[in-house]
Amino acid sequence: MQSNKPRSSAKQRIIDAAFEPFFMHGYEAASLSHLANIVGIRKATIYTHFANKKALFLELLQDALELECAFLRNCFATASDLSGPGDIYCHAFKERYDSAVTLRFLIRMAYASPVHLTDTIASIFNVYIDVLVEQMALALQPYNLSSEQLEIYTDAYVGVIDSLSVELLYAEALYERRLKAMLMLYQNAIRQL
């Protein structure tokens, strides 16, 4: 999907193809020559659309942020009386990770960022966290929590998503067990409100 900025189809093809190499190899090892081969263009053509590798990377990061925030908002918007606050996003998280390179890319860069871009990536990833907190706070409104309670419950929810992210990135084998355990604890706490 395209960012809000107008793009040529050639630039969009480069962006679409660049997510996987940056996710798989990281910033340092992602090769623009390899990317050019994937897209079927010359490496010099990439430079007609992006000043350098960093500019391409930052555009990827912004696109991933926009797409994943939209997905997150959609999950919270489709919540029902049958689901607890944040349940739908938690249950959709692994499937989204498996199917959307943008989430895999965003998580990898947040947890294993190139040293020279750590601050930039952190500030962009914090926008995602802010949207997550905002959506969870809205989902918790019916519980009439104090601001202190709201902060505790939203922080706990961010901790659940954080833990699931790490599990997906590093050791996917225990994901379902961890999801079940964390949701059970979180839902039990919500029921006590």
C-alpha atoms as a PDB file:
ATOM      1  CA  MET A   1       0.000   0.000   0.000  1.00  0.00           C
ATOM      2  CA  GLN A   2       1.127   3.493  -0.732  1.00  0.00           C
ATOM      3  CA  SER A   3       1.826   6.288   1.704  1.00  0.00           C
ATOM      4  CA  ASN A   4      -0.136   9.549   1.533  1.00  0.00           C
ATOM      5  CA  LYS A   5       2.575  10.999  -0.703  1.00  0.00           C
ATOM      6  CA  PRO A   6       1.973  10.620  -4.446  1.00  0.00           C
ATOM      7  CA  ARG A   7       4.373   8.115  -5.981  1.00  0.00           C
ATOM      8  CA  SER A   8       5.172   6.882  -9.422  1.00  0.00           C
ATOM      9  CA  SER A   9       4.455   3.226 -10.082  1.00  0.00           C
ATOM     10  CA  ALA A  10       8.205   2.613 -10.469  1.00  0.00           C
ATOM     11  CA  LYS A  11       8.932   4.060  -7.030  1.00  0.00           C
ATOM     12  CA  GLN A  12       6.097   2.038  -5.512  1.00  0.00           C
ATOM     13  CA  ARG A  13       7.476  -1.166  -7.086  1.00  0.00           C
ATOM     14  CA  ILE A  14      10.857  -0.472  -5.476  1.00  0.00           C
ATOM     15  CA  ILE A  15       9.240   0.124  -2.099  1.00  0.00           C
ATOM     16  CA  ASP A  16       7.070  -2.983  -2.329  1.00  0.00           C
ATOM     17  CA  ALA A  17      10.082  -5.128  -3.235  1.00  0.00           C
ATOM     18  CA  ALA A  18      12.392  -3.588  -0.609  1.00  0.00           C
ATOM     19  CA  PHE A  19      10.523  -4.712   2.526  1.00  0.00           C
ATOM     20  CA  GLU A  20      11.555  -8.359   2.313  1.00  0.00           C
ATOM     21  CA  PRO A  21      15.323  -7.826   1.814  1.00  0.00           C
ATOM     22  CA  PHE A  22      15.460  -5.268   4.622  1.00  0.00           C
ATOM     23  CA  PHE A  23      13.479  -7.587   6.892  1.00  0.00           C
ATOM     24  CA  MET A  24      15.483 -10.696   6.025  1.00  0.00           C
ATOM     25  CA  HIS A  25      18.963  -9.178   6.000  1.00  0.00           C
ATOM     26  CA  GLY A  26      18.647  -6.048   8.135  1.00  0.00           C
ATOM     27  CA  TYR A  27      19.660  -2.568   7.135  1.00  0.00           C
ATOM     28  CA  GLU A  28      23.406  -3.168   6.853  1.00  0.00           C
ATOM     29  CA  ALA A  29      23.193  -6.302   4.699  1.00  0.00           C
ATOM     30  CA  ALA A  30      20.287  -5.232   2.481  1.00  0.00           C
ATOM     31  CA  SER A  31      21.782  -4.733  -0.960  1.00  0.00           C
ATOM     32  CA  LEU A  32      20.458  -2.131  -3.370  1.00  0.00           C
ATOM     33  CA  SER A  33      22.010  -4.113  -6.227  1.00  0.00           C
ATOM     34  CA  HIS A  34      20.030  -7.171  -5.159  1.00  0.00           C
ATOM     35  CA  LEU A  35      16.904  -5.024  -4.814  1.00  0.00           C
ATOM     36  CA  ALA A  36      17.406  -3.652  -8.328  1.00  0.00           C
ATOM     37  CA  ASN A  37      17.628  -7.231  -9.634  1.00  0.00           C
ATOM     38  CA  ILE A  38      14.397  -8.175  -7.839  1.00  0.00           C
ATOM     39  CA  VAL A  39      12.574  -5.209  -9.376  1.00  0.00           C
ATOM     40  CA  GLY A  40      14.201  -5.724 -12.788  1.00  0.00           C
ATOM     41  CA  ILE A  41      15.893  -2.331 -12.954  1.00  0.00           C
ATOM     42  CA  ARG A  42      19.415  -0.981 -12.741  1.00  0.00           C
ATOM     43  CA  LYS A  43      20.749   0.099  -9.363  1.00  0.00           C
ATOM     44  CA  ALA A  44      21.128   3.653 -10.678  1.00  0.00           C
ATOM     45  CA  THR A  45      17.353   3.783 -11.190  1.00  0.00           C
ATOM     46  CA  ILE A  46      16.848   3.381  -7.443  1.00  0.00           C
ATOM     47  CA  TYR A  47      18.848   6.569  -6.963  1.00  0.00           C
ATOM     48  CA  THR A  48      16.493   8.489  -9.238  1.00  0.00           C
ATOM     49  CA  HIS A  49      13.753   7.816  -6.650  1.00  0.00           C
ATOM     50  CA  PHE A  50      15.757   7.859  -3.403  1.00  0.00           C
ATOM     51  CA  ALA A  51      18.765   9.948  -2.418  1.00  0.00           C
ATOM     52  CA  ASN A  52      20.390   6.959  -0.722  1.00  0.00           C
ATOM     53  CA  LYS A  53      19.761   3.693   1.090  1.00  0.00           C
ATOM     54  CA  LYS A  54      18.770   5.514   4.269  1.00  0.00           C
ATOM     55  CA  ALA A  55      16.092   7.534   2.439  1.00  0.00           C
ATOM     56  CA  LEU A  56      14.589   4.337   1.033  1.00  0.00           C
ATOM     57  CA  PHE A  57      14.730   2.688   4.462  1.00  0.00           C
ATOM     58  CA  LEU A  58      13.013   5.626   6.181  1.00  0.00           C
ATOM     59  CA  GLU A  59      10.245   5.594   3.588  1.00  0.00           C
ATOM     60  CA  LEU A  60       9.770   1.867   4.202  1.00  0.00           C
ATOM     61  CA  LEU A  61       9.588   2.530   7.920  1.00  0.00           C
ATOM     62  CA  GLN A  62       6.969   5.251   7.454  1.00  0.00           C
ATOM     63  CA  ASP A  63       4.875   3.031   5.162  1.00  0.00           C
ATOM     64  CA  ALA A  64       5.066   0.140   7.622  1.00  0.00           C
ATOM     65  CA  LEU A  65       4.017   2.439  10.454  1.00  0.00           C
ATOM     66  CA  GLU A  66       1.007   3.776   8.522  1.00  0.00           C
ATOM     67  CA  LEU A  67      -0.139   0.329   7.420  1.00  0.00           C
ATOM     68  CA  GLU A  68       0.247  -1.290  10.823  1.00  0.00           C
ATOM     69  CA  CYS A  69      -1.453   1.578  12.659  1.00  0.00           C
ATOM     70  CA  ALA A  70      -4.366   1.306  10.223  1.00  0.00           C
ATOM     71  CA  PHE A  71      -4.565  -2.465  10.809  1.00  0.00           C
ATOM     72  CA  LEU A  72      -4.427  -1.956  14.579  1.00  0.00           C
ATOM     73  CA  ARG A  73      -7.205   0.658  14.484  1.00  0.00           C
ATOM     74  CA  ASN A  74      -9.326  -1.612  12.324  1.00  0.00           C
ATOM     75  CA  CYS A  75      -8.965  -4.498  14.789  1.00  0.00           C
ATOM     76  CA  PHE A  76     -10.046  -2.303  17.678  1.00  0.00           C
ATOM     77  CA  ALA A  77     -12.917  -0.862  15.618  1.00  0.00           C
ATOM     78  CA  THR A  78     -14.289  -4.357  14.936  1.00  0.00           C
ATOM     79  CA  ALA A  79     -14.385  -5.332  18.621  1.00  0.00           C
ATOM     80  CA  SER A  80     -17.679  -6.696  19.868  1.00  0.00           C
ATOM     81  CA  ASP A  81     -19.416  -7.358  23.159  1.00  0.00           C
ATOM     82  CA  LEU A  82     -18.182 -10.941  22.913  1.00  0.00           C
ATOM     83  CA  SER A  83     -14.526  -9.946  22.939  1.00  0.00           C
ATOM     84  CA  GLY A  84     -12.555  -8.303  25.694  1.00  0.00           C
ATOM     85  CA  PRO A  85     -10.638  -5.063  25.205  1.00  0.00           C
ATOM     86  CA  GLY A  86      -7.785  -5.714  22.785  1.00  0.00           C
ATOM     87  CA  ASP A  87      -8.608  -9.403  22.226  1.00  0.00           C
ATOM     88  CA  ILE A  88      -9.189  -9.122  18.485  1.00  0.00           C
ATOM     89  CA  TYR A  89      -5.815  -7.481  17.858  1.00  0.00           C
ATOM     90  CA  CYS A  90      -4.027 -10.080  19.998  1.00  0.00           C
ATOM     91  CA  HIS A  91      -5.674 -12.931  18.124  1.00  0.00           C
ATOM     92  CA  ALA A  92      -4.972 -11.339  14.726  1.00  0.00           C
ATOM     93  CA  PHE A  93      -1.371 -10.472  15.564  1.00  0.00           C
ATOM     94  CA  LYS A  94       0.364 -13.724  14.513  1.00  0.00           C
ATOM     95  CA  GLU A  95      -1.640 -14.066  11.311  1.00  0.00           C
ATOM     96  CA  ARG A  96      -0.795 -10.463  10.484  1.00  0.00           C
ATOM     97  CA  TYR A  97       2.873 -11.111  11.219  1.00  0.00           C
ATOM     98  CA  ASP A  98       2.855 -14.161   8.950  1.00  0.00           C
ATOM     99  CA  SER A  99       1.029 -12.425   6.099  1.00  0.00           C
ATOM    100  CA  ALA A 100       2.287  -8.816   6.210  1.00  0.00           C
ATOM    101  CA  VAL A 101       5.952  -8.110   5.636  1.00  0.00           C
ATOM    102  CA  THR A 102       5.294  -4.584   6.895  1.00  0.00           C
ATOM    103  CA  LEU A 103       4.650  -5.853  10.445  1.00  0.00           C
ATOM    104  CA  ARG A 104       7.637  -8.217  10.303  1.00  0.00           C
ATOM    105  CA  PHE A 105       9.789  -5.325   9.086  1.00  0.00           C
ATOM    106  CA  LEU A 106       8.502  -2.890  11.725  1.00  0.00           C
ATOM    107  CA  ILE A 107       9.072  -5.344  14.571  1.00  0.00           C
ATOM    108  CA  ARG A 108      12.522  -6.400  13.389  1.00  0.00           C
ATOM    109  CA  MET A 109      13.671  -2.833  13.005  1.00  0.00           C
ATOM    110  CA  ALA A 110      12.249  -1.868  16.415  1.00  0.00           C
ATOM    111  CA  TYR A 111      13.949  -4.743  18.236  1.00  0.00           C
ATOM    112  CA  ALA A 112      17.118  -5.108  16.174  1.00  0.00           C
ATOM    113  CA  SER A 113      17.696  -1.683  14.702  1.00  0.00           C
ATOM    114  CA  PRO A 114      20.884  -0.486  13.032  1.00  0.00           C
ATOM    115  CA  VAL A 115      22.865   1.452  15.627  1.00  0.00           C
ATOM    116  CA  HIS A 116      23.096   4.667  13.616  1.00  0.00           C
ATOM    117  CA  LEU A 117      19.290   4.740  13.179  1.00  0.00           C
ATOM    118  CA  THR A 118      18.209   3.612  16.653  1.00  0.00           C
ATOM    119  CA  ASP A 119      16.838   6.988  17.758  1.00  0.00           C
ATOM    120  CA  THR A 120      14.975   7.570  14.490  1.00  0.00           C
ATOM    121  CA  ILE A 121      13.464   4.089  14.522  1.00  0.00           C
ATOM    122  CA  ALA A 122      12.523   4.399  18.203  1.00  0.00           C
ATOM    123  CA  SER A 123      10.683   7.666  17.580  1.00  0.00           C
ATOM    124  CA  ILE A 124       8.771   6.133  14.667  1.00  0.00           C
ATOM    125  CA  PHE A 125       7.995   2.911  16.559  1.00  0.00           C
ATOM    126  CA  ASN A 126       6.779   4.969  19.515  1.00  0.00           C
ATOM    127  CA  VAL A 127       4.054   6.354  17.254  1.00  0.00           C
ATOM    128  CA  TYR A 128       2.826   2.760  16.830  1.00  0.00           C
ATOM    129  CA  ILE A 129       2.945   2.288  20.625  1.00  0.00           C
ATOM    130  CA  ASP A 130       1.054   5.567  21.106  1.00  0.00           C
ATOM    131  CA  VAL A 131      -1.689   4.388  18.731  1.00  0.00           C
ATOM    132  CA  LEU A 132      -1.836   1.065  20.573  1.00  0.00           C
ATOM    133  CA  VAL A 133      -2.200   2.866  23.916  1.00  0.00           C
ATOM    134  CA  GLU A 134      -4.807   5.238  22.464  1.00  0.00           C
ATOM    135  CA  GLN A 135      -6.885   2.380  21.055  1.00  0.00           C
ATOM    136  CA  MET A 136      -6.664   0.370  24.261  1.00  0.00           C
ATOM    137  CA  ALA A 137      -7.653   3.411  26.323  1.00  0.00           C
ATOM    138  CA  LEU A 138     -10.733   3.845  24.125  1.00  0.00           C
ATOM    139  CA  ALA A 139     -11.579   0.148  24.490  1.00  0.00           C
ATOM    140  CA  LEU A 140     -11.340   0.484  28.284  1.00  0.00           C
ATOM    141  CA  GLN A 141     -13.641   3.534  28.501  1.00  0.00           C
ATOM    142  CA  PRO A 142     -16.725   1.477  29.491  1.00  0.00           C
ATOM    143  CA  TYR A 143     -14.899   0.395  32.650  1.00  0.00           C
ATOM    144  CA  ASN A 144     -14.702   3.973  34.023  1.00  0.00           C
ATOM    145  CA  LEU A 145     -11.128   3.542  35.222  1.00  0.00           C
ATOM    146  CA  SER A 146      -9.198   6.219  37.056  1.00  0.00           C
ATOM    147  CA  SER A 147      -6.315   7.692  35.068  1.00  0.00           C
ATOM    148  CA  GLU A 148      -3.890   5.651  37.182  1.00  0.00           C
ATOM    149  CA  GLN A 149      -5.783   2.400  36.522  1.00  0.00           C
ATOM    150  CA  LEU A 150      -6.067   3.235  32.836  1.00  0.00           C
ATOM    151  CA  GLU A 151      -2.313   3.744  32.628  1.00  0.00           C
ATOM    152  CA  ILE A 152      -1.667   0.408  34.373  1.00  0.00           C
ATOM    153  CA  TYR A 153      -4.027  -1.553  32.114  1.00  0.00           C
ATOM    154  CA  THR A 154      -2.799   0.052  28.891  1.00  0.00           C
ATOM    155  CA  ASP A 155       0.833  -0.496  29.935  1.00  0.00           C
ATOM    156  CA  ALA A 156       0.017  -4.139  30.703  1.00  0.00           C
ATOM    157  CA  TYR A 157      -1.553  -4.520  27.275  1.00  0.00           C
ATOM    158  CA  VAL A 158       1.495  -2.985  25.588  1.00  0.00           C
ATOM    159  CA  GLY A 159       3.544  -5.534  27.564  1.00  0.00           C
ATOM    160  CA  VAL A 160       1.432  -8.351  26.109  1.00  0.00           C
ATOM    161  CA  ILE A 161       1.984  -7.105  22.544  1.00  0.00           C
ATOM    162  CA  ASP A 162       5.677  -6.520  23.282  1.00  0.00           C
ATOM    163  CA  SER A 163       6.083 -10.069  24.539  1.00  0.00           C
ATOM    164  CA  LEU A 164       4.236 -11.509  21.544  1.00  0.00           C
ATOM    165  CA  SER A 165       6.435  -9.453  19.202  1.00  0.00           C
ATOM    166  CA  VAL A 166       9.601 -10.808  20.765  1.00  0.00           C
ATOM    167  CA  GLU A 167       8.216 -14.334  20.615  1.00  0.00           C
ATOM    168  CA  LEU A 168       7.445 -13.992  16.903  1.00  0.00           C
ATOM    169  CA  LEU A 169      10.795 -12.443  16.115  1.00  0.00           C
ATOM    170  CA  TYR A 170      13.013 -14.826  18.050  1.00  0.00           C
ATOM    171  CA  ALA A 171      11.244 -18.046  19.098  1.00  0.00           C
ATOM    172  CA  GLU A 172       7.892 -18.578  17.455  1.00  0.00           C
ATOM    173  CA  ALA A 173       7.473 -22.118  18.862  1.00  0.00           C
ATOM    174  CA  LEU A 174       5.876 -20.965  22.128  1.00  0.00           C
ATOM    175  CA  TYR A 175       3.731 -18.196  20.677  1.00  0.00           C
ATOM    176  CA  GLU A 176       0.315 -19.818  21.157  1.00  0.00           C
ATOM    177  CA  ARG A 177       1.136 -20.889  24.716  1.00  0.00           C
ATOM    178  CA  ARG A 178       2.331 -17.394  25.613  1.00  0.00           C
ATOM    179  CA  LEU A 179      -0.680 -15.756  23.966  1.00  0.00           C
ATOM    180  CA  LYS A 180      -3.079 -17.990  25.851  1.00  0.00           C
ATOM    181  CA  ALA A 181      -1.323 -17.426  29.206  1.00  0.00           C
ATOM    182  CA  MET A 182      -1.029 -13.657  28.849  1.00  0.00           C
ATOM    183  CA  LEU A 183      -4.602 -13.207  27.636  1.00  0.00           C
ATOM    184  CA  MET A 184      -5.908 -15.361  30.477  1.00  0.00           C
ATOM    185  CA  LEU A 185      -4.139 -13.184  33.059  1.00  0.00           C
ATOM    186  CA  TYR A 186      -5.151  -9.954  31.333  1.00  0.00           C
ATOM    187  CA  GLN A 187      -8.780 -11.004  30.886  1.00  0.00           C
ATOM    188  CA  ASN A 188      -9.015 -12.163  34.505  1.00  0.00           C
ATOM    189  CA  ALA A 189      -7.782  -8.762  35.634  1.00  0.00           C
ATOM    190  CA  ILE A 190     -10.322  -7.009  33.360  1.00  0.00           C
ATOM    191  CA  ARG A 191     -13.180  -9.154  34.709  1.00  0.00           C
ATOM    192  CA  GLN A 192     -12.366  -7.996  38.216  1.00  0.00           C
ATOM    193  CA  LEU A 193     -13.044  -4.369  37.336  1.00  0.00           C
END
